Amino acid sequence: MTLGPHSFSGLKLIFNLQIWAFIGQVLDANCDCTEVCKNFSPMSNSKGSRYPQRLQHCLIMANFKTHLTCGVILGGGSALVASMELNLSYIQSFSVFTMGTIGGILPDIDSDSGKPLSLIFSTISILLPALLLEKLPTVGSFSPEFLVSYFVCSYFIINYLICGLVKKITVHRGIMHSLPFSLLAGEIGYLLFAASEETLAITVGGVVFAGCLVHLILDELHSFTFKYKFFPVLKKSFGTAIKFKSPSLLASAALYCLIIIVAIQISYG
């Protein structure tokens, strides 16, 4: 049987689709932005483009492992310095390490799906109720049944209700990827540990802010490439991480209001 030119074109198309389907599986396994990536089709790449849009999108984003690794390094380094220079205890230093790691991935709370959102909210749903426990009016009279009810309800409220709300009202690389949000995160970190000694609270607030800032810097470092291995070329993602406001005026105003409110709480708390 003789194959015509149309047959060869069909076989080539099937082969290309199989290749990109395989690459898609790899991306799904390693990329933290699958909700965005799945909207890209191997047939949608523009003429002359070297990679389909789906692969291009993953190449310009600092991935989850990078952010997590840098958060761990920042948290570990800060904990070591705090232990040696500020005479923090091992437990306090571990708290610094934990909060620094969380800060390193916190801006990805707007990622809609994938590893960042799952890890962030799972962690918050455990840490936040524990940090707020002593602020409850029933302190000193915690029964086993109260603790079980408190932590289980807190877990489901934070991990499902609040997480679902965040998914609906945020967009990736929106206001969460900004310097004001990093400042707010640092303020909240300080406030959560204010009941402990002030040195620890300041250290935690600083390391959370630094973790968010490192995250934004990593995202911006992935927003340019080198043409001919020499000339830097900016990508469309440039400027979407380190910024002072989002395209939404309402979101920007709400964030700045929260910064002021938390700052007042810190000052008079």
Foldseek 3Di string as FASTA:
>chain_A
DDDDPVNVVVVVVVVVQVVVVVVLVVCVVFAQQVVVLVVFDQVPADPPDPGGPSVVVRQLFDGPVNLLVVLQVLLLVLLVCCCVPVVDDPVLSVVSNVLSSLLSLVLCCQSLDGDSVQVNQQVCLQPVLVLCVCVDPCPPPDDPVNVVVSSVVSSCCRSPVVSVVSNVPGHRLFPSLELLVLLLQLLVQLVSCVVPDNVSSNSSSVSSSVSSVVNLVVSQVSQWDDDVRHRIDGHPCHPSRYHQHGPDPVVSVVSVVSSVVSVVVVVVD
